[in-house]
Amino acid sequence: MAAQGLTHGPLGPGTLHLCVDMQRVFGPGYPWVMPWMERVTPVIETICAHHAAHTLFTRFIPAARPGEGSGTWKRYYRRWAEVTLEKVGADAIRLVPAFERFVPPARVLDKHVYSPWTEGRLDAMLAGSDIDTLVITGGETDVCVLASALGGIDRGFRVVLVGDALCSFVDETHDALMELYLTRFTEQLEVATAEEVLETWR
């Protein structure tokens, strides 16, 4: 995967690592398993180890029972009845073991939709802070990472996707979204490697 790097300069003190939905429910043994999760986990873990106090983990919280939710989410959870909380249990929504040790000082934000912005809690957490840059890792590249990045762009944050720290359910759509990120958001989004992020974020 090509990356254009940090074209807008080094990362400053107002940087937040936003790690998207690296949870057990997306790991082996669950219907939503992301094949690359185990490969990118050590990469993300390295970023967390250097910047735990500046890391925020999001967690996607499924509906409690099949058919719950508003609008099309009702249909969604009829289709995905096997990943509702009554089926998978509370442990499934926990962070994967590699990341739990970083909390605290890292923080956790729960959400019930793809975007961490929609329900307002992320805006509230960042209000009044000096955060101006989001370094985004996690999954899925083409769903929750996409929603996280676009919400950050809309709010004027500098958005940096860590290309070797993203994973998805489908390789083809991951590749398509990486191409989109690299070609359509050149002034508002950068794609860099974890090595470059760590070298420039002191």
C-alpha atoms as a PDB file:
ATOM      1  CA  MET A   1       0.000   0.000   0.000  1.00  0.00           C
ATOM      2  CA  ALA A   2       1.492   3.312  -1.066  1.00  0.00           C
ATOM      3  CA  ALA A   3       1.554   6.225   1.355  1.00  0.00           C
ATOM      4  CA  GLN A   4       2.314   9.817   0.550  1.00  0.00           C
ATOM      5  CA  GLY A   5       3.628  10.478   4.054  1.00  0.00           C
ATOM      6  CA  LEU A   6       3.244  13.459   6.350  1.00  0.00           C
ATOM      7  CA  THR A   7       3.077  16.056   3.611  1.00  0.00           C
ATOM      8  CA  HIS A   8       2.038  18.824   6.001  1.00  0.00           C
ATOM      9  CA  GLY A   9       4.974  18.461   8.349  1.00  0.00           C
ATOM     10  CA  PRO A  10       5.759  16.801  11.685  1.00  0.00           C
ATOM     11  CA  LEU A  11       3.086  16.003  14.241  1.00  0.00           C
ATOM     12  CA  GLY A  12       2.677  18.585  16.969  1.00  0.00           C
ATOM     13  CA  PRO A  13       1.761  18.460  20.675  1.00  0.00           C
ATOM     14  CA  GLY A  14      -1.952  18.715  19.831  1.00  0.00           C
ATOM     15  CA  THR A  15      -2.028  15.196  18.379  1.00  0.00           C
ATOM     16  CA  LEU A  16      -4.480  12.506  19.514  1.00  0.00           C
ATOM     17  CA  HIS A  17      -4.206   8.837  18.554  1.00  0.00           C
ATOM     18  CA  LEU A  18      -7.743   7.664  17.740  1.00  0.00           C
ATOM     19  CA  CYS A  19      -7.781   3.863  17.655  1.00  0.00           C
ATOM     20  CA  VAL A  20     -11.025   2.660  16.106  1.00  0.00           C
ATOM     21  CA  ASP A  21     -12.899  -0.443  17.315  1.00  0.00           C
ATOM     22  CA  MET A  22     -10.052  -2.852  18.020  1.00  0.00           C
ATOM     23  CA  GLN A  23     -12.352  -5.186  19.951  1.00  0.00           C
ATOM     24  CA  ARG A  24     -12.662  -8.908  20.521  1.00  0.00           C
ATOM     25  CA  VAL A  25     -15.918  -9.032  18.525  1.00  0.00           C
ATOM     26  CA  PHE A  26     -13.843  -8.291  15.406  1.00  0.00           C
ATOM     27  CA  GLY A  27     -11.327 -11.020  16.177  1.00  0.00           C
ATOM     28  CA  PRO A  28     -11.107 -14.795  15.652  1.00  0.00           C
ATOM     29  CA  GLY A  29     -14.178 -16.809  16.564  1.00  0.00           C
ATOM     30  CA  TYR A  30     -16.714 -14.067  15.836  1.00  0.00           C
ATOM     31  CA  PRO A  31     -18.826 -13.433  12.688  1.00  0.00           C
ATOM     32  CA  TRP A  32     -17.260 -10.014  12.154  1.00  0.00           C
ATOM     33  CA  VAL A  33     -13.638 -11.202  12.236  1.00  0.00           C
ATOM     34  CA  MET A  34     -11.233  -8.830  10.455  1.00  0.00           C
ATOM     35  CA  PRO A  35      -8.555 -11.037   8.857  1.00  0.00           C
ATOM     36  CA  TRP A  36      -5.798  -8.435   9.240  1.00  0.00           C
ATOM     37  CA  MET A  37      -6.495  -7.561  12.869  1.00  0.00           C
ATOM     38  CA  GLU A  38      -3.783  -9.792  14.276  1.00  0.00           C
ATOM     39  CA  ARG A  39      -1.276  -8.383  11.791  1.00  0.00           C
ATOM     40  CA  VAL A  40      -1.893  -4.717  12.596  1.00  0.00           C
ATOM     41  CA  THR A  41      -2.278  -5.151  16.372  1.00  0.00           C
ATOM     42  CA  PRO A  42       1.505  -5.068  17.073  1.00  0.00           C
ATOM     43  CA  VAL A  43       1.844  -1.935  14.933  1.00  0.00           C
ATOM     44  CA  ILE A  44      -0.905  -0.151  16.830  1.00  0.00           C
ATOM     45  CA  GLU A  45       0.492  -1.438  20.111  1.00  0.00           C
ATOM     46  CA  THR A  46       3.794   0.323  19.361  1.00  0.00           C
ATOM     47  CA  ILE A  47       2.016   3.651  18.886  1.00  0.00           C
ATOM     48  CA  CYS A  48       0.068   3.118  22.110  1.00  0.00           C
ATOM     49  CA  ALA A  49       3.243   2.272  24.018  1.00  0.00           C
ATOM     50  CA  HIS A  50       4.770   5.618  23.042  1.00  0.00           C
ATOM     51  CA  HIS A  51       1.623   7.729  23.414  1.00  0.00           C
ATOM     52  CA  ALA A  52      -0.782   5.971  25.787  1.00  0.00           C
ATOM     53  CA  ALA A  53      -1.812   9.221  27.473  1.00  0.00           C
ATOM     54  CA  HIS A  54      -2.710  10.652  24.072  1.00  0.00           C
ATOM     55  CA  THR A  55      -4.679   7.611  22.875  1.00  0.00           C
ATOM     56  CA  LEU A  56      -8.454   7.259  22.701  1.00  0.00           C
ATOM     57  CA  PHE A  57      -9.980   3.860  21.908  1.00  0.00           C
ATOM     58  CA  THR A  58     -13.461   3.735  20.424  1.00  0.00           C
ATOM     59  CA  ARG A  59     -15.689   0.698  20.923  1.00  0.00           C
ATOM     60  CA  PHE A  60     -18.660  -0.207  18.735  1.00  0.00           C
ATOM     61  CA  ILE A  61     -21.515  -1.367  20.987  1.00  0.00           C
ATOM     62  CA  PRO A  62     -24.066  -3.605  19.204  1.00  0.00           C
ATOM     63  CA  ALA A  63     -27.754  -3.626  20.025  1.00  0.00           C
ATOM     64  CA  ALA A  64     -28.821  -5.703  23.001  1.00  0.00           C
ATOM     65  CA  ARG A  65     -31.264  -7.862  21.023  1.00  0.00           C
ATOM     66  CA  PRO A  66     -32.151  -8.628  17.382  1.00  0.00           C
ATOM     67  CA  GLY A  67     -34.316  -5.972  15.755  1.00  0.00           C
ATOM     68  CA  GLU A  68     -33.415  -3.182  18.185  1.00  0.00           C
ATOM     69  CA  GLY A  69     -32.327   0.231  16.972  1.00  0.00           C
ATOM     70  CA  SER A  70     -33.838   3.095  15.030  1.00  0.00           C
ATOM     71  CA  GLY A  71     -34.641   3.070  11.330  1.00  0.00           C
ATOM     72  CA  THR A  72     -32.466   0.772   9.247  1.00  0.00           C
ATOM     73  CA  TRP A  73     -30.529  -0.326  12.341  1.00  0.00           C
ATOM     74  CA  LYS A  74     -33.540  -2.528  13.152  1.00  0.00           C
ATOM     75  CA  ARG A  75     -33.043  -4.378   9.872  1.00  0.00           C
ATOM     76  CA  TYR A  76     -29.283  -4.440  10.449  1.00  0.00           C
ATOM     77  CA  TYR A  77     -29.655  -6.232  13.773  1.00  0.00           C
ATOM     78  CA  ARG A  78     -32.165  -8.684  12.384  1.00  0.00           C
ATOM     79  CA  ARG A  79     -29.534  -9.574   9.771  1.00  0.00           C
ATOM     80  CA  TRP A  80     -26.747  -9.652  12.376  1.00  0.00           C
ATOM     81  CA  ALA A  81     -28.701 -11.187  15.244  1.00  0.00           C
ATOM     82  CA  GLU A  82     -25.710 -13.345  16.157  1.00  0.00           C
ATOM     83  CA  VAL A  83     -23.630 -10.306  17.161  1.00  0.00           C
ATOM     84  CA  THR A  84     -26.182  -8.674  19.454  1.00  0.00           C
ATOM     85  CA  LEU A  85     -25.110  -8.441  23.072  1.00  0.00           C
ATOM     86  CA  GLU A  86     -27.485 -11.197  24.206  1.00  0.00           C
ATOM     87  CA  LYS A  87     -25.744 -13.550  21.766  1.00  0.00           C
ATOM     88  CA  VAL A  88     -22.056 -12.595  22.058  1.00  0.00           C
ATOM     89  CA  GLY A  89     -21.912 -11.421  25.652  1.00  0.00           C
ATOM     90  CA  ALA A  90     -20.213  -8.442  27.267  1.00  0.00           C
ATOM     91  CA  ASP A  91     -16.675  -9.784  26.830  1.00  0.00           C
ATOM     92  CA  ALA A  92     -16.995  -9.476  23.044  1.00  0.00           C
ATOM     93  CA  ILE A  93     -17.104  -5.692  23.161  1.00  0.00           C
ATOM     94  CA  ARG A  94     -13.938  -5.413  25.241  1.00  0.00           C
ATOM     95  CA  LEU A  95     -10.737  -4.178  23.636  1.00  0.00           C
ATOM     96  CA  VAL A  96      -8.429  -6.913  22.427  1.00  0.00           C
ATOM     97  CA  PRO A  97      -6.052  -7.945  25.255  1.00  0.00           C
ATOM     98  CA  ALA A  98      -3.044  -6.146  23.770  1.00  0.00           C
ATOM     99  CA  PHE A  99      -4.722  -2.774  24.321  1.00  0.00           C
ATOM    100  CA  GLU A 100      -6.504  -3.129  27.636  1.00  0.00           C
ATOM    101  CA  ARG A 101      -3.249  -2.575  29.517  1.00  0.00           C
ATOM    102  CA  PHE A 102      -3.027   0.983  28.164  1.00  0.00           C
ATOM    103  CA  VAL A 103      -6.308   2.042  29.845  1.00  0.00           C
ATOM    104  CA  PRO A 104      -5.688   4.206  31.781  1.00  0.00           C
ATOM    105  CA  PRO A 105      -4.059   6.548  30.905  1.00  0.00           C
ATOM    106  CA  ALA A 106      -5.641   5.926  27.483  1.00  0.00           C
ATOM    107  CA  ARG A 107      -9.374   6.604  27.387  1.00  0.00           C
ATOM    108  CA  VAL A 108     -12.306   4.667  25.929  1.00  0.00           C
ATOM    109  CA  LEU A 109     -15.306   6.074  24.036  1.00  0.00           C
ATOM    110  CA  ASP A 110     -18.327   3.835  23.393  1.00  0.00           C
ATOM    111  CA  LYS A 111     -20.557   4.403  20.365  1.00  0.00           C
ATOM    112  CA  HIS A 112     -23.593   2.672  18.879  1.00  0.00           C
ATOM    113  CA  VAL A 113     -23.090   3.733  15.245  1.00  0.00           C
ATOM    114  CA  TYR A 114     -20.162   3.805  12.825  1.00  0.00           C
ATOM    115  CA  SER A 115     -19.044   7.361  13.556  1.00  0.00           C
ATOM    116  CA  PRO A 116     -17.638   8.399  16.930  1.00  0.00           C
ATOM    117  CA  TRP A 117     -18.915  11.925  16.251  1.00  0.00           C
ATOM    118  CA  THR A 118     -22.648  11.359  15.724  1.00  0.00           C
ATOM    119  CA  GLU A 119     -23.656  10.891  19.362  1.00  0.00           C
ATOM    120  CA  GLY A 120     -21.753  13.981  20.501  1.00  0.00           C
ATOM    121  CA  ARG A 121     -19.512  12.494  23.174  1.00  0.00           C
ATOM    122  CA  LEU A 122     -16.292  12.844  21.189  1.00  0.00           C
ATOM    123  CA  ASP A 123     -16.997  16.507  20.491  1.00  0.00           C
ATOM    124  CA  ALA A 124     -17.612  16.989  24.224  1.00  0.00           C
ATOM    125  CA  MET A 125     -14.360  15.226  25.152  1.00  0.00           C
ATOM    126  CA  LEU A 126     -12.308  17.395  22.796  1.00  0.00           C
ATOM    127  CA  ALA A 127     -14.060  20.689  23.558  1.00  0.00           C
ATOM    128  CA  GLY A 128     -11.638  23.190  25.021  1.00  0.00           C
ATOM    129  CA  SER A 129      -8.611  20.975  24.410  1.00  0.00           C
ATOM    130  CA  ASP A 130      -5.588  21.803  22.261  1.00  0.00           C
ATOM    131  CA  ILE A 131      -6.166  18.789  20.002  1.00  0.00           C
ATOM    132  CA  ASP A 132      -5.830  19.778  16.347  1.00  0.00           C
ATOM    133  CA  THR A 133      -4.594  16.512  14.784  1.00  0.00           C
ATOM    134  CA  LEU A 134      -6.026  12.988  14.729  1.00  0.00           C
ATOM    135  CA  VAL A 135      -3.787   9.986  14.046  1.00  0.00           C
ATOM    136  CA  ILE A 136      -6.220   7.203  13.164  1.00  0.00           C
ATOM    137  CA  THR A 137      -5.633   3.445  13.380  1.00  0.00           C
ATOM    138  CA  GLY A 138      -7.908   0.387  13.638  1.00  0.00           C
ATOM    139  CA  GLY A 139     -10.825  -0.893  11.626  1.00  0.00           C
ATOM    140  CA  GLU A 140     -12.648  -1.147   9.478  1.00  0.00           C
ATOM    141  CA  THR A 141     -10.885   0.903   6.830  1.00  0.00           C
ATOM    142  CA  ASP A 142     -14.064   1.200   4.770  1.00  0.00           C
ATOM    143  CA  VAL A 143     -16.653   1.655   7.541  1.00  0.00           C
ATOM    144  CA  CYS A 144     -15.842   3.034  11.003  1.00  0.00           C
ATOM    145  CA  VAL A 145     -12.412   4.395  10.052  1.00  0.00           C
ATOM    146  CA  LEU A 146     -14.037   6.153   7.104  1.00  0.00           C
ATOM    147  CA  ALA A 147     -16.727   7.662   9.355  1.00  0.00           C
ATOM    148  CA  SER A 148     -14.115   8.719  11.911  1.00  0.00           C
ATOM    149  CA  ALA A 149     -11.897  10.359   9.308  1.00  0.00           C
ATOM    150  CA  LEU A 150     -14.702  12.233   7.545  1.00  0.00           C
ATOM    151  CA  GLY A 151     -16.043  13.533  10.845  1.00  0.00           C
ATOM    152  CA  GLY A 152     -12.579  14.779  11.756  1.00  0.00           C
ATOM    153  CA  ILE A 153     -12.194  16.454   8.365  1.00  0.00           C
ATOM    154  CA  ASP A 154     -15.590  18.145   8.698  1.00  0.00           C
ATOM    155  CA  ARG A 155     -14.492  19.602  12.037  1.00  0.00           C
ATOM    156  CA  GLY A 156     -11.234  20.936  10.627  1.00  0.00           C
ATOM    157  CA  PHE A 157      -8.830  18.512  12.269  1.00  0.00           C
ATOM    158  CA  ARG A 158      -5.663  17.465  10.525  1.00  0.00           C
ATOM    159  CA  VAL A 159      -6.314  13.762   9.863  1.00  0.00           C
ATOM    160  CA  VAL A 160      -3.494  11.243   9.484  1.00  0.00           C
ATOM    161  CA  LEU A 161      -4.328   7.623   8.662  1.00  0.00           C
ATOM    162  CA  VAL A 162      -1.652   5.107   9.603  1.00  0.00           C
ATOM    163  CA  GLY A 163      -1.703   2.912   6.517  1.00  0.00           C
ATOM    164  CA  ASP A 164      -0.012  -0.120   8.040  1.00  0.00           C
ATOM    165  CA  ALA A 165      -2.233   0.052  11.135  1.00  0.00           C
ATOM    166  CA  LEU A 166      -5.624  -0.264   9.416  1.00  0.00           C
ATOM    167  CA  CYS A 167      -7.631  -3.437   8.826  1.00  0.00           C
ATOM    168  CA  SER A 168     -10.904  -4.477   7.271  1.00  0.00           C
ATOM    169  CA  PHE A 169     -13.244  -7.376   6.600  1.00  0.00           C
ATOM    170  CA  VAL A 170     -12.814  -7.271   2.798  1.00  0.00           C
ATOM    171  CA  ASP A 171      -9.457  -6.738   1.088  1.00  0.00           C
ATOM    172  CA  GLU A 172     -10.974  -5.257  -2.075  1.00  0.00           C
ATOM    173  CA  THR A 173     -12.855  -2.479  -0.303  1.00  0.00           C
ATOM    174  CA  HIS A 174      -9.879  -1.760   1.949  1.00  0.00           C
ATOM    175  CA  ASP A 175      -7.756  -1.237  -1.161  1.00  0.00           C
ATOM    176  CA  ALA A 176     -10.436   0.897  -2.806  1.00  0.00           C
ATOM    177  CA  LEU A 177     -10.714   3.158   0.228  1.00  0.00           C
ATOM    178  CA  MET A 178      -6.958   3.532   0.510  1.00  0.00           C
ATOM    179  CA  GLU A 179      -6.950   4.738  -3.085  1.00  0.00           C
ATOM    180  CA  LEU A 180      -9.760   7.157  -2.251  1.00  0.00           C
ATOM    181  CA  TYR A 181      -7.923   8.503   0.785  1.00  0.00           C
ATOM    182  CA  LEU A 182      -4.735   9.017  -1.215  1.00  0.00           C
ATOM    183  CA  THR A 183      -6.350  10.790  -4.142  1.00  0.00           C
ATOM    184  CA  ARG A 184      -9.462  12.670  -2.985  1.00  0.00           C
ATOM    185  CA  PHE A 185      -8.542  14.371   0.297  1.00  0.00           C
ATOM    186  CA  THR A 186      -5.017  15.619  -0.358  1.00  0.00           C
ATOM    187  CA  GLU A 187      -5.344  18.867   1.633  1.00  0.00           C
ATOM    188  CA  GLN A 188      -7.183  17.394   4.601  1.00  0.00           C
ATOM    189  CA  LEU A 189      -5.954  13.836   4.988  1.00  0.00           C
ATOM    190  CA  GLU A 190      -2.531  12.219   4.959  1.00  0.00           C
ATOM    191  CA  VAL A 191      -1.599   8.535   4.854  1.00  0.00           C
ATOM    192  CA  ALA A 192       1.642   7.693   6.627  1.00  0.00           C
ATOM    193  CA  THR A 193       3.365   4.647   8.075  1.00  0.00           C
ATOM    194  CA  ALA A 194       3.588   3.936  11.789  1.00  0.00           C
ATOM    195  CA  GLU A 195       7.349   4.411  11.580  1.00  0.00           C
ATOM    196  CA  GLU A 196       6.950   7.911  10.180  1.00  0.00           C
ATOM    197  CA  VAL A 197       4.337   8.796  12.799  1.00  0.00           C
ATOM    198  CA  LEU A 198       6.608   7.661  15.616  1.00  0.00           C
ATOM    199  CA  GLU A 199       9.642   9.434  14.167  1.00  0.00           C
ATOM    200  CA  THR A 200       7.891  12.802  13.930  1.00  0.00           C
ATOM    201  CA  TRP A 201       5.555  12.709  16.958  1.00  0.00           C
ATOM    202  CA  ARG A 202       7.781  13.475  19.905  1.00  0.00           C
END
